[in-house]
N, C-alpha and C. Protein backbone atom coordinates (compact mmCIF):
# COMPACT_ATOMS: atom_id res chain seq x y z
N MET A 1 87.10 114.39 102.41
CA MET A 1 87.75 112.73 102.17
C MET A 1 88.14 113.06 100.92
N GLU A 2 89.49 112.07 100.69
CA GLU A 2 90.56 112.40 99.31
C GLU A 2 89.79 111.35 98.46
N GLU A 3 89.38 111.74 97.32
CA GLU A 3 89.14 110.85 96.48
C GLU A 3 90.20 110.28 95.42
N LYS A 4 89.73 109.02 95.77
CA LYS A 4 90.70 108.05 95.15
C LYS A 4 90.82 107.96 93.40
N THR A 5 92.18 107.50 93.11
CA THR A 5 92.15 107.77 91.57
C THR A 5 91.99 106.14 90.81
N SER A 6 91.66 106.29 89.86
CA SER A 6 90.69 104.99 89.45
C SER A 6 92.06 103.88 89.35
N PHE A 7 93.11 104.28 89.51
CA PHE A 7 94.04 102.85 89.58
C PHE A 7 94.53 101.98 91.26
N ARG A 8 93.72 103.33 91.92
CA ARG A 8 94.12 102.73 93.18
C ARG A 8 92.69 102.12 93.87
N VAL A 9 91.54 102.27 93.11
CA VAL A 9 90.19 101.66 93.02
C VAL A 9 90.33 100.31 92.84
N VAL A 10 90.87 100.34 91.87
CA VAL A 10 91.14 98.64 91.53
C VAL A 10 92.35 98.19 91.90
N PHE A 11 93.40 98.46 92.62
CA PHE A 11 94.26 97.75 92.65
C PHE A 11 94.89 97.93 94.55
N GLY A 12 94.16 99.42 95.28
CA GLY A 12 94.16 99.32 96.63
C GLY A 12 94.69 100.74 97.26
N ASP A 13 95.40 100.48 98.26
CA ASP A 13 96.14 101.47 99.08
C ASP A 13 97.54 101.06 99.27
N SER A 14 97.89 99.89 99.20
CA SER A 14 99.05 99.58 99.75
C SER A 14 100.08 100.61 99.54
N PRO A 15 101.41 100.60 99.83
CA PRO A 15 102.03 101.73 99.90
C PRO A 15 102.81 101.67 98.72
N ILE A 16 103.25 100.32 97.99
CA ILE A 16 103.83 100.26 96.71
C ILE A 16 102.52 101.20 95.64
N VAL A 17 101.47 100.64 96.06
CA VAL A 17 100.69 101.26 94.55
C VAL A 17 100.30 102.77 95.19
N LYS A 18 100.42 102.81 96.05
CA LYS A 18 100.04 104.46 96.33
C LYS A 18 101.38 105.34 95.36
N VAL A 19 102.66 104.65 95.62
CA VAL A 19 103.54 105.55 95.02
C VAL A 19 103.68 105.36 93.39
N ILE A 20 103.04 104.14 92.93
CA ILE A 20 103.49 103.82 91.30
C ILE A 20 101.83 104.92 91.05
N ASP A 21 100.93 105.15 91.70
CA ASP A 21 99.52 106.10 91.31
C ASP A 21 100.44 107.03 91.50
N PHE A 22 101.43 107.83 92.54
CA PHE A 22 101.63 109.11 92.45
C PHE A 22 102.59 109.59 91.34
N PHE A 23 103.47 108.36 90.66
CA PHE A 23 104.27 108.41 89.63
C PHE A 23 103.48 108.59 88.09
N LEU A 24 102.70 107.73 88.13
CA LEU A 24 101.78 108.02 87.25
C LEU A 24 100.82 108.87 86.95
N ASP A 25 100.81 109.78 88.14
CA ASP A 25 99.43 110.87 88.04
C ASP A 25 100.66 112.35 87.84
N ASN A 26 102.31 112.37 88.44
CA ASN A 26 103.03 113.33 88.46
C ASN A 26 104.79 113.11 87.64
N ARG A 27 104.19 112.27 86.48
CA ARG A 27 105.29 111.76 85.47
C ARG A 27 106.27 112.86 84.64
N GLU A 28 105.57 113.97 84.76
CA GLU A 28 106.96 114.77 83.92
C GLU A 28 107.76 115.53 85.03
N PHE A 29 108.13 115.46 86.31
CA PHE A 29 109.11 115.71 87.16
C PHE A 29 109.56 114.96 87.92
N ASP A 30 110.84 115.51 88.46
CA ASP A 30 111.29 114.92 89.50
C ASP A 30 111.39 114.88 90.58
N TYR A 31 111.72 113.72 92.08
CA TYR A 31 111.49 114.16 93.44
C TYR A 31 112.19 113.24 93.90
N SER A 32 112.47 113.93 95.64
CA SER A 32 113.42 113.21 96.38
C SER A 32 112.13 112.16 97.02
N LEU A 33 113.22 111.37 97.28
CA LEU A 33 112.73 110.62 98.58
C LEU A 33 111.48 110.92 99.49
N THR A 34 111.91 112.30 99.83
CA THR A 34 111.16 112.81 101.26
C THR A 34 109.95 112.80 100.40
N ASP A 35 110.33 113.70 99.13
CA ASP A 35 108.78 114.01 98.68
C ASP A 35 107.72 113.03 98.09
N ILE A 36 108.34 111.79 97.53
CA ILE A 36 107.78 110.83 97.29
C ILE A 36 106.75 109.91 98.44
N ALA A 37 107.54 110.43 99.29
CA ALA A 37 106.82 109.51 100.62
C ALA A 37 105.88 110.64 101.07
N LYS A 38 105.96 111.86 101.12
CA LYS A 38 104.63 112.36 101.30
C LYS A 38 103.97 112.18 100.55
N ASN A 39 104.20 112.91 99.39
CA ASN A 39 102.99 113.06 98.22
C ASN A 39 102.08 111.81 98.05
N ALA A 40 102.94 110.40 98.48
CA ALA A 40 102.04 108.79 98.18
C ALA A 40 101.59 108.80 99.37
N ASP A 41 101.96 109.68 100.46
CA ASP A 41 101.06 109.12 101.75
C ASP A 41 101.12 107.81 102.46
N ILE A 42 102.88 108.03 102.44
CA ILE A 42 103.77 106.40 103.12
C ILE A 42 104.57 107.30 103.73
N GLY A 43 104.82 106.18 104.99
CA GLY A 43 106.11 106.50 105.49
C GLY A 43 107.59 106.61 105.04
N TRP A 44 108.38 107.35 105.41
CA TRP A 44 109.74 107.47 104.86
C TRP A 44 110.54 106.06 104.74
N SER A 45 110.58 105.49 105.54
CA SER A 45 110.99 104.17 106.28
C SER A 45 110.34 103.18 105.44
N THR A 46 108.81 103.33 105.37
CA THR A 46 107.81 101.96 104.25
C THR A 46 108.39 102.26 103.08
N LEU A 47 109.05 103.12 102.41
CA LEU A 47 109.43 104.16 100.67
C LEU A 47 110.55 103.32 100.78
N HIS A 48 111.22 102.88 101.98
CA HIS A 48 112.77 103.12 101.72
C HIS A 48 112.88 101.00 101.69
N LEU A 49 111.86 100.27 102.13
CA LEU A 49 111.33 99.08 102.19
C LEU A 49 111.28 98.37 100.47
N PHE A 50 111.06 99.35 99.31
CA PHE A 50 110.71 99.33 98.59
C PHE A 50 111.35 99.27 97.63
N TRP A 51 111.95 100.89 97.26
CA TRP A 51 112.96 101.47 97.22
C TRP A 51 113.73 101.37 95.88
N LYS A 52 114.58 100.02 96.32
CA LYS A 52 115.84 99.58 95.71
C LYS A 52 114.98 98.47 94.62
N ASP A 53 113.62 98.12 95.25
CA ASP A 53 113.32 97.57 93.82
C ASP A 53 112.53 98.36 92.53
N PHE A 54 112.19 99.33 92.62
CA PHE A 54 111.84 100.20 92.14
C PHE A 54 113.13 100.40 91.22
N VAL A 55 114.19 100.98 92.08
CA VAL A 55 115.18 101.21 90.63
C VAL A 55 115.72 100.12 90.04
N MET A 56 116.01 98.86 90.68
CA MET A 56 116.39 97.21 90.06
C MET A 56 115.62 97.04 88.75
N LEU A 57 114.24 97.32 88.85
CA LEU A 57 113.42 96.68 88.06
C LEU A 57 113.24 98.39 86.70
N GLY A 58 113.60 99.48 87.22
CA GLY A 58 114.17 100.03 86.17
C GLY A 58 113.02 101.13 86.00
N MET A 59 111.98 100.94 86.73
CA MET A 59 110.57 102.10 86.96
C MET A 59 111.16 103.32 87.15
N VAL A 60 111.98 103.92 87.89
CA VAL A 60 112.26 104.91 88.08
C VAL A 60 114.05 105.34 87.82
N ILE A 61 114.10 106.22 87.49
CA ILE A 61 115.84 106.92 87.24
C ILE A 61 115.84 107.92 88.24
N LYS A 62 117.48 108.07 88.71
CA LYS A 62 117.88 109.04 89.25
C LYS A 62 117.91 110.21 88.07
N THR A 63 117.80 111.35 88.36
CA THR A 63 117.72 112.08 87.35
C THR A 63 119.13 113.49 87.98
N ARG A 64 118.94 113.52 89.22
CA ARG A 64 120.33 114.41 89.75
C ARG A 64 120.28 114.69 91.13
N ARG A 65 120.90 115.53 91.69
CA ARG A 65 121.27 115.59 93.20
C ARG A 65 121.12 117.07 93.53
N ILE A 66 120.52 117.66 94.35
CA ILE A 66 120.36 118.42 94.91
C ILE A 66 121.14 118.41 96.92
N GLY A 67 121.87 119.30 96.78
CA GLY A 67 122.43 118.70 98.46
C GLY A 67 122.94 117.07 98.31
N ARG A 68 122.38 116.55 99.32
CA ARG A 68 122.51 115.33 100.08
C ARG A 68 121.66 114.47 99.13
N ALA A 69 120.29 115.32 98.57
CA ALA A 69 119.23 114.70 98.00
C ALA A 69 118.84 114.29 96.64
N GLU A 70 118.73 112.56 96.36
CA GLU A 70 118.73 112.32 94.97
C GLU A 70 117.50 112.75 94.63
N LEU A 71 117.40 113.11 93.26
CA LEU A 71 115.87 112.96 92.87
C LEU A 71 115.56 111.97 92.25
N TYR A 72 114.58 111.54 91.78
CA TYR A 72 113.97 110.38 90.50
C TYR A 72 112.93 110.79 90.02
N LYS A 73 112.84 110.27 88.54
CA LYS A 73 111.33 110.35 87.91
C LYS A 73 111.07 108.99 87.45
N LEU A 74 109.87 108.77 86.63
CA LEU A 74 109.46 107.78 86.54
C LEU A 74 110.46 107.49 85.28
N ASN A 75 110.09 106.13 85.21
CA ASN A 75 111.39 106.12 83.52
C ASN A 75 110.53 105.77 82.73
N MET A 76 110.55 106.57 81.33
CA MET A 76 109.33 106.44 80.58
C MET A 76 109.19 105.73 79.57
N LYS A 77 111.20 104.97 79.54
CA LYS A 77 111.40 103.99 78.42
C LYS A 77 111.34 102.39 78.81
N SER A 78 111.11 102.94 80.17
CA SER A 78 110.56 101.19 80.73
C SER A 78 109.73 100.59 80.22
N PRO A 79 109.72 99.39 79.42
CA PRO A 79 108.58 98.35 79.09
C PRO A 79 107.43 98.06 80.16
N LEU A 80 108.07 98.05 81.79
CA LEU A 80 106.94 98.16 82.29
C LEU A 80 106.49 99.07 82.68
N VAL A 81 107.16 100.27 82.72
CA VAL A 81 106.45 101.64 83.11
C VAL A 81 104.88 101.83 81.60
N LYS A 82 105.72 101.39 80.42
CA LYS A 82 105.16 101.62 79.87
C LYS A 82 103.36 100.55 80.08
N LYS A 83 103.71 99.73 80.20
CA LYS A 83 102.08 99.02 80.94
C LYS A 83 101.59 99.79 82.03
N LEU A 84 102.03 99.68 83.16
CA LEU A 84 101.20 100.08 83.95
C LEU A 84 100.73 101.53 83.30
N ILE A 85 101.54 102.60 82.17
CA ILE A 85 100.63 103.74 82.03
C ILE A 85 99.22 103.08 80.97
N ASP A 86 99.34 102.05 80.29
CA ASP A 86 98.40 101.49 79.46
C ASP A 86 97.38 101.28 80.15
N LEU A 87 97.68 100.37 81.42
CA LEU A 87 96.94 99.66 82.45
C LEU A 87 96.18 100.82 83.70
N ASP A 88 97.05 102.29 83.63
CA ASP A 88 95.96 102.78 83.98
C ASP A 88 95.24 103.65 82.99
N THR A 89 95.46 103.94 82.08
CA THR A 89 94.58 104.77 81.16
C THR A 89 93.32 104.00 80.93
N THR A 90 93.26 102.46 80.49
CA THR A 90 92.64 101.23 80.24
C THR A 90 91.35 101.42 81.29
N ILE A 91 92.33 101.08 83.19
CA ILE A 91 91.19 101.59 84.03
C ILE A 91 90.17 102.85 84.39
N SER A 92 90.66 103.99 83.53
CA SER A 92 90.11 104.66 83.92
C SER A 92 89.41 105.64 82.61
N LYS A 93 89.67 104.72 81.29
CA LYS A 93 88.63 104.92 80.60
C LYS A 93 87.08 103.79 80.57
N LYS A 94 87.55 102.29 81.52
CA LYS A 94 86.52 101.68 81.69
C LYS A 94 85.77 102.12 82.90
N LEU A 95 86.11 102.72 84.11
CA LEU A 95 85.10 103.52 84.89
C LEU A 95 84.58 104.37 84.48
N MET A 96 85.06 105.20 83.85
CA MET A 96 84.44 106.72 83.68
C MET A 96 83.07 105.95 82.42
N GLN A 97 83.78 105.31 81.49
CA GLN A 97 82.66 104.75 80.70
C GLN A 97 81.14 104.25 81.96
N GLU A 98 81.66 103.27 82.67
CA GLU A 98 80.40 102.77 83.68
C GLU A 98 79.85 104.04 84.51
N GLU A 99 80.89 104.85 84.56
CA GLU A 99 79.91 106.20 85.17
C GLU A 99 78.88 107.09 84.58
N ILE A 100 79.35 106.79 83.15
CA ILE A 100 78.50 107.82 82.49
C ILE A 100 77.38 106.83 81.96
N THR A 101 77.48 105.76 81.86
CA THR A 101 76.19 104.72 81.60
C THR A 101 75.44 105.03 83.04
N LYS A 102 75.65 104.65 84.08
CA LYS A 102 74.98 105.36 85.33
C LYS A 102 74.41 106.21 85.60
N GLN A 103 75.17 107.46 84.98
CA GLN A 103 74.34 108.61 84.78
C GLN A 103 73.42 108.46 83.70
N LYS A 104 73.42 108.09 82.73
CA LYS A 104 72.11 108.28 81.50
C LYS A 104 71.02 107.28 82.26
N LEU A 105 71.56 106.46 83.11
CA LEU A 105 70.26 105.19 83.34
C LEU A 105 69.54 106.30 84.57
N LYS A 106 70.06 106.86 85.08
CA LYS A 106 69.47 108.10 86.18
C LYS A 106 68.42 109.11 85.31
N VAL A 107 69.20 109.63 84.29
CA VAL A 107 68.39 110.35 83.71
C VAL A 107 66.83 110.19 83.13
N SER A 108 67.42 108.91 82.42
CA SER A 108 66.28 108.17 81.86
C SER A 108 65.10 107.58 82.91
N ALA A 109 65.68 107.26 84.05
CA ALA A 109 64.71 106.51 85.18
C ALA A 109 63.65 107.54 85.41
């Protein structure tokens, strides 16, 4: 069974959340839409329902073209992306701290 990231624990498993989570975890590389859909575990046609919004909001930028495939990566200069990264970090720290507290309680019990 796949272990959920802290971002998906909080925000769920909707296709949009899965794509955002994929990019937050893989921000240094660029990907084709096919690779994004596959790695986010959503359908290609589902990705196309909201992909234009991601581009329009400046969350992703086109980096290059390989054959007919356009590649995109997370736009690290976007204020929205910066907030998402901060949020992801805050959530991870909070859930990690809760887990540490639980472990300490188990050991002391």
